[in-house]
Amino acid sequence: MEKTVPELIAAISPSDWAQVPQSILELIYELVRRTDKLEEEMAQLRTENELLKEQVARTSANSSQPPSKNPQGFKPNRKESTGKKRGGQLGHIGSQRKLSSQAKLIT
């Protein structure tokens, strides 16, 4: 695992720090400050990137959007054909309602 900047700085002995010129120390502190700022900005951009990816992937199939708002080129998943024809199937035992006594008189 990578060491953080404070861990890296703490690894330098005080006697070594005493030998470093003041101008170099100021440069080091400025670079550390910029690094911290960039890491915070990178975390924010990663969060924003994830949100944008979710928005791009949103379609009428996985949200309450109407189909007219789907991205261009979007093709909804269609059911695969089972090979059966529509309607009653061969061998199916039908069910019918029985005629009432009044219907029998009329016919």
PDB file of N, CA and C in Angstrom:
ATOM      1  N   MET A   1       0.837  -1.167   0.000  1.00  0.00           N
ATOM      2  CA  MET A   1       0.000   0.000   0.000  1.00  0.00           C
ATOM      3  C   MET A   1       0.890   1.241   0.000  1.00  0.00           C
ATOM      4  N   GLU A   2       0.464   2.262  -0.737  1.00  0.00           N
ATOM      5  CA  GLU A   2       1.264   3.474  -0.824  1.00  0.00           C
ATOM      6  C   GLU A   2       1.238   4.245   0.482  1.00  0.00           C
ATOM      7  N   LYS A   3       2.371   4.864   0.783  1.00  0.00           N
ATOM      8  CA  LYS A   3       2.452   5.683   1.989  1.00  0.00           C
ATOM      9  C   LYS A   3       1.910   7.069   1.679  1.00  0.00           C
ATOM     10  N   THR A   4       1.294   7.698   2.672  1.00  0.00           N
ATOM     11  CA  THR A   4       0.787   9.051   2.505  1.00  0.00           C
ATOM     12  C   THR A   4       1.928  10.041   2.659  1.00  0.00           C
ATOM     13  N   VAL A   5       1.685  11.269   2.253  1.00  0.00           N
ATOM     14  CA  VAL A   5       2.730  12.302   2.327  1.00  0.00           C
ATOM     15  C   VAL A   5       3.204  12.511   3.763  1.00  0.00           C
ATOM     16  N   PRO A   6       2.283  12.633   4.755  1.00  0.00           N
ATOM     17  CA  PRO A   6       2.799  12.790   6.133  1.00  0.00           C
ATOM     18  C   PRO A   6       3.668  11.612   6.581  1.00  0.00           C
ATOM     19  N   GLU A   7       3.324  10.411   6.149  1.00  0.00           N
ATOM     20  CA  GLU A   7       4.150   9.247   6.520  1.00  0.00           C
ATOM     21  C   GLU A   7       5.533   9.345   5.876  1.00  0.00           C
ATOM     22  N   LEU A   8       5.568   9.812   4.634  1.00  0.00           N
ATOM     23  CA  LEU A   8       6.850   9.954   3.942  1.00  0.00           C
ATOM     24  C   LEU A   8       7.703  11.034   4.594  1.00  0.00           C
ATOM     25  N   ILE A   9       7.062  12.143   4.977  1.00  0.00           N
ATOM     26  CA  ILE A   9       7.799  13.223   5.625  1.00  0.00           C
ATOM     27  C   ILE A   9       8.294  12.788   6.998  1.00  0.00           C
ATOM     28  N   ALA A  10       7.462  12.039   7.723  1.00  0.00           N
ATOM     29  CA  ALA A  10       7.856  11.576   9.053  1.00  0.00           C
ATOM     30  C   ALA A  10       9.028  10.602   8.982  1.00  0.00           C
ATOM     31  N   ALA A  11       9.214   9.948   7.849  1.00  0.00           N
ATOM     32  CA  ALA A  11      10.302   8.989   7.712  1.00  0.00           C
ATOM     33  C   ALA A  11      11.662   9.682   7.598  1.00  0.00           C
ATOM     34  N   ILE A  12      11.656  10.985   7.320  1.00  0.00           N
ATOM     35  CA  ILE A  12      12.915  11.727   7.202  1.00  0.00           C
ATOM     36  C   ILE A  12      13.343  12.176   8.602  1.00  0.00           C
ATOM     37  N   SER A  13      14.569  11.916   8.926  1.00  0.00           N
ATOM     38  CA  SER A  13      15.055  12.230  10.280  1.00  0.00           C
ATOM     39  C   SER A  13      15.175  13.744  10.474  1.00  0.00           C
ATOM     40  N   PRO A  14      15.050  14.211  11.728  1.00  0.00           N
ATOM     41  CA  PRO A  14      15.185  15.660  12.003  1.00  0.00           C
ATOM     42  C   PRO A  14      16.548  16.219  11.592  1.00  0.00           C
ATOM     43  N   SER A  15      17.587  15.404  11.691  1.00  0.00           N
ATOM     44  CA  SER A  15      18.918  15.892  11.299  1.00  0.00           C
ATOM     45  C   SER A  15      18.985  16.131   9.783  1.00  0.00           C
ATOM     46  N   ASP A  16      18.290  15.278   9.010  1.00  0.00           N
ATOM     47  CA  ASP A  16      18.239  15.481   7.557  1.00  0.00           C
ATOM     48  C   ASP A  16      17.435  16.734   7.220  1.00  0.00           C
ATOM     49  N   TRP A  17      16.329  16.957   7.953  1.00  0.00           N
ATOM     50  CA  TRP A  17      15.515  18.164   7.722  1.00  0.00           C
ATOM     51  C   TRP A  17      16.330  19.421   8.023  1.00  0.00           C
ATOM     52  N   ALA A  18      17.200  19.371   9.000  1.00  0.00           N
ATOM     53  CA  ALA A  18      18.003  20.533   9.378  1.00  0.00           C
ATOM     54  C   ALA A  18      18.983  20.925   8.276  1.00  0.00           C
ATOM     55  N   GLN A  19      19.362  19.973   7.437  1.00  0.00           N
ATOM     56  CA  GLN A  19      20.322  20.238   6.372  1.00  0.00           C
ATOM     57  C   GLN A  19      19.662  20.800   5.105  1.00  0.00           C
ATOM     58  N   VAL A  20      18.339  20.695   5.014  1.00  0.00           N
ATOM     59  CA  VAL A  20      17.630  21.145   3.808  1.00  0.00           C
ATOM     60  C   VAL A  20      17.478  22.668   3.854  1.00  0.00           C
ATOM     61  N   PRO A  21      17.841  23.364   2.770  1.00  0.00           N
ATOM     62  CA  PRO A  21      17.699  24.827   2.735  1.00  0.00           C
ATOM     63  C   PRO A  21      16.221  25.249   2.852  1.00  0.00           C
ATOM     64  N   GLN A  22      15.992  26.444   3.381  1.00  0.00           N
ATOM     65  CA  GLN A  22      14.644  26.942   3.608  1.00  0.00           C
ATOM     66  C   GLN A  22      13.841  27.033   2.306  1.00  0.00           C
ATOM     67  N   SER A  23      14.482  27.425   1.216  1.00  0.00           N
ATOM     68  CA  SER A  23      13.768  27.541  -0.067  1.00  0.00           C
ATOM     69  C   SER A  23      13.237  26.182  -0.534  1.00  0.00           C
ATOM     70  N   ILE A  24      14.004  25.128  -0.294  1.00  0.00           N
ATOM     71  CA  ILE A  24      13.571  23.777  -0.670  1.00  0.00           C
ATOM     72  C   ILE A  24      12.419  23.334   0.233  1.00  0.00           C
ATOM     73  N   LEU A  25      12.480  23.661   1.522  1.00  0.00           N
ATOM     74  CA  LEU A  25      11.393  23.319   2.441  1.00  0.00           C
ATOM     75  C   LEU A  25      10.082  23.991   2.019  1.00  0.00           C
ATOM     76  N   GLU A  26      10.189  25.277   1.637  1.00  0.00           N
ATOM     77  CA  GLU A  26       8.987  25.985   1.179  1.00  0.00           C
ATOM     78  C   GLU A  26       8.409  25.321  -0.064  1.00  0.00           C
ATOM     79  N   LEU A  27       9.278  24.907  -0.981  1.00  0.00           N
ATOM     80  CA  LEU A  27       8.826  24.212  -2.181  1.00  0.00           C
ATOM     81  C   LEU A  27       8.142  22.894  -1.827  1.00  0.00           C
ATOM     82  N   ILE A  28       8.702  22.152  -0.903  1.00  0.00           N
ATOM     83  CA  ILE A  28       8.121  20.870  -0.476  1.00  0.00           C
ATOM     84  C   ILE A  28       6.738  21.100   0.121  1.00  0.00           C
ATOM     85  N   TYR A  29       6.614  22.104   1.011  1.00  0.00           N
ATOM     86  CA  TYR A  29       5.320  22.376   1.632  1.00  0.00           C
ATOM     87  C   TYR A  29       4.281  22.815   0.598  1.00  0.00           C
ATOM     88  N   GLU A  30       4.710  23.597  -0.391  1.00  0.00           N
ATOM     89  CA  GLU A  30       3.786  24.028  -1.454  1.00  0.00           C
ATOM     90  C   GLU A  30       3.344  22.828  -2.284  1.00  0.00           C
ATOM     91  N   LEU A  31       4.246  21.939  -2.599  1.00  0.00           N
ATOM     92  CA  LEU A  31       3.892  20.745  -3.383  1.00  0.00           C
ATOM     93  C   LEU A  31       2.947  19.829  -2.602  1.00  0.00           C
ATOM     94  N   VAL A  32       3.173  19.708  -1.299  1.00  0.00           N
ATOM     95  CA  VAL A  32       2.285  18.898  -0.462  1.00  0.00           C
ATOM     96  C   VAL A  32       0.883  19.507  -0.444  1.00  0.00           C
ATOM     97  N   ARG A  33       0.813  20.847  -0.321  1.00  0.00           N
ATOM     98  CA  ARG A  33      -0.479  21.536  -0.318  1.00  0.00           C
ATOM     99  C   ARG A  33      -1.212  21.318  -1.645  1.00  0.00           C
ATOM    100  N   ARG A  34      -0.475  21.453  -2.745  1.00  0.00           N
ATOM    101  CA  ARG A  34      -1.088  21.235  -4.069  1.00  0.00           C
ATOM    102  C   ARG A  34      -1.540  19.781  -4.246  1.00  0.00           C
ATOM    103  N   THR A  35      -0.751  18.859  -3.755  1.00  0.00           N
ATOM    104  CA  THR A  35      -1.111  17.441  -3.857  1.00  0.00           C
ATOM    105  C   THR A  35      -2.402  17.165  -3.098  1.00  0.00           C
ATOM    106  N   ASP A  36      -2.525  17.709  -1.893  1.00  0.00           N
ATOM    107  CA  ASP A  36      -3.751  17.520  -1.110  1.00  0.00           C
ATOM    108  C   ASP A  36      -4.963  18.098  -1.839  1.00  0.00           C
ATOM    109  N   LYS A  37      -4.783  19.295  -2.405  1.00  0.00           N
ATOM    110  CA  LYS A  37      -5.874  19.943  -3.134  1.00  0.00           C
ATOM    111  C   LYS A  37      -6.284  19.100  -4.346  1.00  0.00           C
ATOM    112  N   LEU A  38      -5.309  18.586  -5.087  1.00  0.00           N
ATOM    113  CA  LEU A  38      -5.600  17.772  -6.271  1.00  0.00           C
ATOM    114  C   LEU A  38      -6.288  16.454  -5.898  1.00  0.00           C
ATOM    115  N   GLU A  39      -5.889  15.864  -4.776  1.00  0.00           N
ATOM    116  CA  GLU A  39      -6.529  14.619  -4.346  1.00  0.00           C
ATOM    117  C   GLU A  39      -7.990  14.853  -3.973  1.00  0.00           C
ATOM    118  N   GLU A  40      -8.278  15.997  -3.317  1.00  0.00           N
ATOM    119  CA  GLU A  40      -9.669  16.325  -2.994  1.00  0.00           C
ATOM    120  C   GLU A  40     -10.479  16.542  -4.266  1.00  0.00           C
ATOM    121  N   GLU A  41      -9.900  17.273  -5.218  1.00  0.00           N
ATOM    122  CA  GLU A  41     -10.586  17.537  -6.485  1.00  0.00           C
ATOM    123  C   GLU A  41     -10.819  16.238  -7.255  1.00  0.00           C
ATOM    124  N   MET A  42      -9.845  15.342  -7.224  1.00  0.00           N
ATOM    125  CA  MET A  42      -9.986  14.064  -7.917  1.00  0.00           C
ATOM    126  C   MET A  42     -11.116  13.233  -7.308  1.00  0.00           C
ATOM    127  N   ALA A  43     -11.248  13.248  -5.998  1.00  0.00           N
ATOM    128  CA  ALA A  43     -12.338  12.519  -5.347  1.00  0.00           C
ATOM    129  C   ALA A  43     -13.695  13.088  -5.758  1.00  0.00           C
ATOM    130  N   GLN A  44     -13.789  14.424  -5.835  1.00  0.00           N
ATOM    131  CA  GLN A  44     -15.038  15.052  -6.266  1.00  0.00           C
ATOM    132  C   GLN A  44     -15.354  14.691  -7.713  1.00  0.00           C
ATOM    133  N   LEU A  45     -14.352  14.709  -8.563  1.00  0.00           N
ATOM    134  CA  LEU A  45     -14.563  14.383  -9.976  1.00  0.00           C
ATOM    135  C   LEU A  45     -14.958  12.921 -10.162  1.00  0.00           C
ATOM    136  N   ARG A  46     -14.409  12.035  -9.354  1.00  0.00           N
ATOM    137  CA  ARG A  46     -14.795  10.623  -9.437  1.00  0.00           C
ATOM    138  C   ARG A  46     -16.271  10.448  -9.077  1.00  0.00           C
ATOM    139  N   THR A  47     -16.710  11.159  -8.026  1.00  0.00           N
ATOM    140  CA  THR A  47     -18.116  11.093  -7.622  1.00  0.00           C
ATOM    141  C   THR A  47     -19.010  11.627  -8.736  1.00  0.00           C
ATOM    142  N   GLU A  48     -18.634  12.758  -9.303  1.00  0.00           N
ATOM    143  CA  GLU A  48     -19.418  13.348 -10.395  1.00  0.00           C
ATOM    144  C   GLU A  48     -19.437  12.423 -11.606  1.00  0.00           C
ATOM    145  N   ASN A  49     -18.309  11.791 -11.889  1.00  0.00           N
ATOM    146  CA  ASN A  49     -18.213  10.863 -13.022  1.00  0.00           C
ATOM    147  C   ASN A  49     -19.170   9.684 -12.837  1.00  0.00           C
ATOM    148  N   GLU A  50     -19.247   9.145 -11.633  1.00  0.00           N
ATOM    149  CA  GLU A  50     -20.160   8.027 -11.367  1.00  0.00           C
ATOM    150  C   GLU A  50     -21.610   8.448 -11.578  1.00  0.00           C
ATOM    151  N   LEU A  51     -21.961   9.653 -11.113  1.00  0.00           N
ATOM    152  CA  LEU A  51     -23.323  10.148 -11.298  1.00  0.00           C
ATOM    153  C   LEU A  51     -23.646  10.317 -12.776  1.00  0.00           C
ATOM    154  N   LEU A  52     -22.702  10.836 -13.535  1.00  0.00           N
ATOM    155  CA  LEU A  52     -22.925  11.027 -14.966  1.00  0.00           C
ATOM    156  C   LEU A  52     -23.046   9.696 -15.698  1.00  0.00           C
ATOM    157  N   LYS A  53     -22.263   8.709 -15.290  1.00  0.00           N
ATOM    158  CA  LYS A  53     -22.371   7.381 -15.901  1.00  0.00           C
ATOM    159  C   LYS A  53     -23.748   6.780 -15.651  1.00  0.00           C
ATOM    160  N   GLU A  54     -24.281   6.990 -14.435  1.00  0.00           N
ATOM    161  CA  GLU A  54     -25.621   6.492 -14.120  1.00  0.00           C
ATOM    162  C   GLU A  54     -26.670   7.183 -14.984  1.00  0.00           C
ATOM    163  N   GLN A  55     -26.511   8.493 -15.201  1.00  0.00           N
ATOM    164  CA  GLN A  55     -27.473   9.224 -16.014  1.00  0.00           C
ATOM    165  C   GLN A  55     -27.430   8.769 -17.463  1.00  0.00           C
ATOM    166  N   VAL A  56     -26.253   8.518 -17.986  1.00  0.00           N
ATOM    167  CA  VAL A  56     -26.117   8.085 -19.375  1.00  0.00           C
ATOM    168  C   VAL A  56     -26.732   6.705 -19.562  1.00  0.00           C
ATOM    169  N   ALA A  57     -26.614   5.851 -18.559  1.00  0.00           N
ATOM    170  CA  ALA A  57     -27.115   4.484 -18.658  1.00  0.00           C
ATOM    171  C   ALA A  57     -28.619   4.401 -18.399  1.00  0.00           C
ATOM    172  N   ARG A  58     -29.258   5.519 -18.020  1.00  0.00           N
ATOM    173  CA  ARG A  58     -30.685   5.508 -17.687  1.00  0.00           C
ATOM    174  C   ARG A  58     -31.517   5.440 -18.976  1.00  0.00           C
ATOM    175  N   THR A  59     -32.418   4.493 -19.048  1.00  0.00           N
ATOM    176  CA  THR A  59     -33.314   4.339 -20.190  1.00  0.00           C
ATOM    177  C   THR A  59     -34.723   4.125 -19.673  1.00  0.00           C
ATOM    178  N   SER A  60     -35.665   3.997 -20.596  1.00  0.00           N
ATOM    179  CA  SER A  60     -37.044   3.747 -20.178  1.00  0.00           C
ATOM    180  C   SER A  60     -37.199   2.355 -19.567  1.00  0.00           C
ATOM    181  N   ALA A  61     -36.241   1.474 -19.824  1.00  0.00           N
ATOM    182  CA  ALA A  61     -36.314   0.121 -19.279  1.00  0.00           C
ATOM    183  C   ALA A  61     -35.939   0.062 -17.804  1.00  0.00           C
ATOM    184  N   ASN A  62     -35.100   1.014 -17.334  1.00  0.00           N
ATOM    185  CA  ASN A  62     -34.652   0.949 -15.948  1.00  0.00           C
ATOM    186  C   ASN A  62     -34.971   2.215 -15.152  1.00  0.00           C
ATOM    187  N   SER A  63     -35.915   3.030 -15.654  1.00  0.00           N
ATOM    188  CA  SER A  63     -36.318   4.231 -14.921  1.00  0.00           C
ATOM    189  C   SER A  63     -37.746   4.592 -15.318  1.00  0.00           C
ATOM    190  N   SER A  64     -38.223   5.709 -14.802  1.00  0.00           N
ATOM    191  CA  SER A  64     -39.583   6.135 -15.121  1.00  0.00           C
ATOM    192  C   SER A  64     -39.614   7.051 -16.337  1.00  0.00           C
ATOM    193  N   GLN A  65     -38.530   7.108 -17.093  1.00  0.00           N
ATOM    194  CA  GLN A  65     -38.480   7.935 -18.290  1.00  0.00           C
ATOM    195  C   GLN A  65     -39.390   7.368 -19.378  1.00  0.00           C
ATOM    196  N   PRO A  66     -39.982   8.243 -20.189  1.00  0.00           N
ATOM    197  CA  PRO A  66     -40.751   7.740 -21.326  1.00  0.00           C
ATOM    198  C   PRO A  66     -39.796   7.236 -22.416  1.00  0.00           C
ATOM    199  N   PRO A  67     -40.265   6.358 -23.281  1.00  0.00           N
ATOM    200  CA  PRO A  67     -39.391   5.825 -24.338  1.00  0.00           C
ATOM    201  C   PRO A  67     -38.821   6.904 -25.259  1.00  0.00           C
ATOM    202  N   SER A  68     -39.508   8.044 -25.369  1.00  0.00           N
ATOM    203  CA  SER A  68     -38.999   9.106 -26.240  1.00  0.00           C
ATOM    204  C   SER A  68     -37.710   9.728 -25.707  1.00  0.00           C
ATOM    205  N   LYS A  69     -37.387   9.521 -24.436  1.00  0.00           N
ATOM    206  CA  LYS A  69     -36.172  10.073 -23.834  1.00  0.00           C
ATOM    207  C   LYS A  69     -35.006   9.091 -23.867  1.00  0.00           C
ATOM    208  N   ASN A  70     -35.183   7.931 -24.485  1.00  0.00           N
ATOM    209  CA  ASN A  70     -34.103   6.955 -24.582  1.00  0.00           C
ATOM    210  C   ASN A  70     -32.963   7.527 -25.419  1.00  0.00           C
ATOM    211  N   PRO A  71     -31.724   7.146 -25.140  1.00  0.00           N
ATOM    212  CA  PRO A  71     -30.613   7.620 -25.966  1.00  0.00           C
ATOM    213  C   PRO A  71     -30.729   7.067 -27.384  1.00  0.00           C
ATOM    214  N   GLN A  72     -30.140   7.798 -28.316  1.00  0.00           N
ATOM    215  CA  GLN A  72     -30.209   7.361 -29.709  1.00  0.00           C
ATOM    216  C   GLN A  72     -29.500   6.025 -29.871  1.00  0.00           C
ATOM    217  N   GLY A  73     -30.119   5.120 -30.603  1.00  0.00           N
ATOM    218  CA  GLY A  73     -29.539   3.807 -30.827  1.00  0.00           C
ATOM    219  C   GLY A  73     -29.941   2.777 -29.789  1.00  0.00           C
ATOM    220  N   PHE A  74     -30.752   3.185 -28.809  1.00  0.00           N
ATOM    221  CA  PHE A  74     -31.185   2.248 -27.770  1.00  0.00           C
ATOM    222  C   PHE A  74     -32.192   1.272 -28.356  1.00  0.00           C
ATOM    223  N   LYS A  75     -31.973  -0.003 -28.126  1.00  0.00           N
ATOM    224  CA  LYS A  75     -32.906  -1.027 -28.573  1.00  0.00           C
ATOM    225  C   LYS A  75     -33.346  -1.823 -27.350  1.00  0.00           C
ATOM    226  N   PRO A  76     -34.644  -1.800 -27.044  1.00  0.00           N
ATOM    227  CA  PRO A  76     -35.106  -2.537 -25.867  1.00  0.00           C
ATOM    228  C   PRO A  76     -34.960  -4.037 -26.076  1.00  0.00           C
ATOM    229  N   ASN A  77     -34.802  -4.744 -24.967  1.00  0.00           N
ATOM    230  CA  ASN A  77     -34.708  -6.200 -25.036  1.00  0.00           C
ATOM    231  C   ASN A  77     -36.063  -6.769 -25.426  1.00  0.00           C
ATOM    232  N   ARG A  78     -36.065  -7.589 -26.415  1.00  0.00           N
ATOM    233  CA  ARG A  78     -37.298  -8.220 -26.869  1.00  0.00           C
ATOM    234  C   ARG A  78     -37.302  -9.667 -26.388  1.00  0.00           C
ATOM    235  N   LYS A  79     -38.499 -10.179 -26.088  1.00  0.00           N
ATOM    236  CA  LYS A  79     -38.603 -11.579 -25.678  1.00  0.00           C
ATOM    237  C   LYS A  79     -38.237 -12.477 -26.849  1.00  0.00           C
ATOM    238  N   GLU A  80     -37.590 -13.565 -26.542  1.00  0.00           N
ATOM    239  CA  GLU A  80     -37.290 -14.540 -27.587  1.00  0.00           C
ATOM    240  C   GLU A  80     -38.533 -15.369 -27.853  1.00  0.00           C
ATOM    241  N   SER A  81     -38.735 -15.732 -29.094  1.00  0.00           N
ATOM    242  CA  SER A  81     -39.897 -16.514 -29.484  1.00  0.00           C
ATOM    243  C   SER A  81     -39.807 -17.923 -28.897  1.00  0.00           C
ATOM    244  N   THR A  82     -40.942 -18.412 -28.402  1.00  0.00           N
ATOM    245  CA  THR A  82     -40.969 -19.768 -27.848  1.00  0.00           C
ATOM    246  C   THR A  82     -41.232 -20.794 -28.937  1.00  0.00           C
ATOM    247  N   GLY A  83     -41.594 -20.332 -30.123  1.00  0.00           N
ATOM    248  CA  GLY A  83     -41.879 -21.246 -31.213  1.00  0.00           C
ATOM    249  C   GLY A  83     -43.359 -21.612 -31.296  1.00  0.00           C
ATOM    250  N   LYS A  84     -44.147 -21.230 -30.314  1.00  0.00           N
ATOM    251  CA  LYS A  84     -45.582 -21.519 -30.327  1.00  0.00           C
ATOM    252  C   LYS A  84     -46.314 -20.421 -31.076  1.00  0.00           C
ATOM    253  N   LYS A  85     -47.409 -20.805 -31.724  1.00  0.00           N
ATOM    254  CA  LYS A  85     -48.257 -19.817 -32.374  1.00  0.00           C
ATOM    255  C   LYS A  85     -49.143 -19.171 -31.320  1.00  0.00           C
ATOM    256  N   ARG A  86     -49.660 -18.007 -31.638  1.00  0.00           N
ATOM    257  CA  ARG A  86     -50.549 -17.317 -30.728  1.00  0.00           C
ATOM    258  C   ARG A  86     -51.888 -18.037 -30.670  1.00  0.00           C
ATOM    259  N   GLY A  87     -52.581 -17.907 -29.545  1.00  0.00           N
ATOM    260  CA  GLY A  87     -53.914 -18.477 -29.398  1.00  0.00           C
ATOM    261  C   GLY A  87     -53.877 -19.855 -28.762  1.00  0.00           C
ATOM    262  N   GLY A  88     -55.016 -20.561 -28.898  1.00  0.00           N
ATOM    263  CA  GLY A  88     -55.125 -21.897 -28.307  1.00  0.00           C
ATOM    264  C   GLY A  88     -54.161 -22.877 -28.956  1.00  0.00           C
ATOM    265  N   GLN A  89     -53.583 -23.726 -28.158  1.00  0.00           N
ATOM    266  CA  GLN A  89     -52.598 -24.676 -28.652  1.00  0.00           C
ATOM    267  C   GLN A  89     -53.234 -26.040 -28.893  1.00  0.00           C
ATOM    268  N   LEU A  90     -52.654 -26.785 -29.826  1.00  0.00           N
ATOM    269  CA  LEU A  90     -53.158 -28.120 -30.123  1.00  0.00           C
ATOM    270  C   LEU A  90     -53.074 -28.998 -28.881  1.00  0.00           C
ATOM    271  N   GLY A  91     -54.122 -29.760 -28.603  1.00  0.00           N
ATOM    272  CA  GLY A  91     -54.126 -30.658 -27.462  1.00  0.00           C
ATOM    273  C   GLY A  91     -54.625 -30.000 -26.192  1.00  0.00           C
ATOM    274  N   HIS A  92     -54.888 -28.718 -26.229  1.00  0.00           N
ATOM    275  CA  HIS A  92     -55.375 -28.026 -25.040  1.00  0.00           C
ATOM    276  C   HIS A  92     -56.860 -28.324 -24.840  1.00  0.00           C
ATOM    277  N   ILE A  93     -57.209 -28.707 -23.630  1.00  0.00           N
ATOM    278  CA  ILE A  93     -58.615 -28.971 -23.328  1.00  0.00           C
ATOM    279  C   ILE A  93     -59.266 -27.640 -23.016  1.00  0.00           C
ATOM    280  N   GLY A  94     -60.248 -27.288 -23.802  1.00  0.00           N
ATOM    281  CA  GLY A  94     -60.902 -25.993 -23.643  1.00  0.00           C
ATOM    282  C   GLY A  94     -61.832 -25.982 -22.442  1.00  0.00           C
ATOM    283  N   SER A  95     -62.223 -24.795 -22.056  1.00  0.00           N
ATOM    284  CA  SER A  95     -63.221 -24.651 -21.003  1.00  0.00           C
ATOM    285  C   SER A  95     -64.270 -23.685 -21.511  1.00  0.00           C
ATOM    286  N   GLN A  96     -65.530 -24.019 -21.256  1.00  0.00           N
ATOM    287  CA  GLN A  96     -66.622 -23.183 -21.745  1.00  0.00           C
ATOM    288  C   GLN A  96     -67.593 -22.937 -20.614  1.00  0.00           C
ATOM    289  N   ARG A  97     -68.325 -21.837 -20.732  1.00  0.00           N
ATOM    290  CA  ARG A  97     -69.363 -21.544 -19.765  1.00  0.00           C
ATOM    291  C   ARG A  97     -70.610 -22.314 -20.156  1.00  0.00           C
ATOM    292  N   LYS A  98     -71.290 -22.803 -19.184  1.00  0.00           N
ATOM    293  CA  LYS A  98     -72.516 -23.543 -19.464  1.00  0.00           C
ATOM    294  C   LYS A  98     -73.635 -22.564 -19.744  1.00  0.00           C
ATOM    295  N   LEU A  99     -74.521 -22.941 -20.655  1.00  0.00           N
ATOM    296  CA  LEU A  99     -75.653 -22.093 -20.986  1.00  0.00           C
ATOM    297  C   LEU A  99     -76.661 -22.121 -19.845  1.00  0.00           C
ATOM    298  N   SER A 100     -77.261 -20.975 -19.604  1.00  0.00           N
ATOM    299  CA  SER A 100     -78.322 -20.931 -18.575  1.00  0.00           C
ATOM    300  C   SER A 100     -79.603 -21.506 -19.154  1.00  0.00           C
ATOM    301  N   SER A 101     -80.559 -21.770 -18.304  1.00  0.00           N
ATOM    302  CA  SER A 101     -81.817 -22.377 -18.766  1.00  0.00           C
ATOM    303  C   SER A 101     -82.567 -21.419 -19.690  1.00  0.00           C
ATOM    304  N   GLN A 102     -82.491 -20.104 -19.493  1.00  0.00           N
ATOM    305  CA  GLN A 102     -83.151 -19.156 -20.360  1.00  0.00           C
ATOM    306  C   GLN A 102     -82.521 -19.137 -21.742  1.00  0.00           C
ATOM    307  N   ALA A 103     -81.208 -19.278 -21.833  1.00  0.00           N
ATOM    308  CA  ALA A 103     -80.540 -19.289 -23.122  1.00  0.00           C
ATOM    309  C   ALA A 103     -80.941 -20.516 -23.922  1.00  0.00           C
ATOM    310  N   LYS A 104     -81.234 -21.616 -23.269  1.00  0.00           N
ATOM    311  CA  LYS A 104     -81.627 -22.849 -23.976  1.00  0.00           C
ATOM    312  C   LYS A 104     -83.020 -22.649 -24.606  1.00  0.00           C
ATOM    313  N   LEU A 105     -83.906 -21.894 -23.946  1.00  0.00           N
ATOM    314  CA  LEU A 105     -85.239 -21.666 -24.482  1.00  0.00           C
ATOM    315  C   LEU A 105     -85.207 -20.802 -25.725  1.00  0.00           C
ATOM    316  N   ILE A 106     -84.339 -19.868 -25.794  1.00  0.00           N
ATOM    317  CA  ILE A 106     -84.274 -18.933 -26.925  1.00  0.00           C
ATOM    318  C   ILE A 106     -83.749 -19.641 -28.160  1.00  0.00           C
ATOM    319  N   THR A 107     -82.842 -20.515 -28.020  1.00  0.00           N
ATOM    320  CA  THR A 107     -82.242 -21.178 -29.194  1.00  0.00           C
ATOM    321  C   THR A 107     -83.058 -22.268 -29.748  1.00  0.00           C
TER     322      THR A 107
END
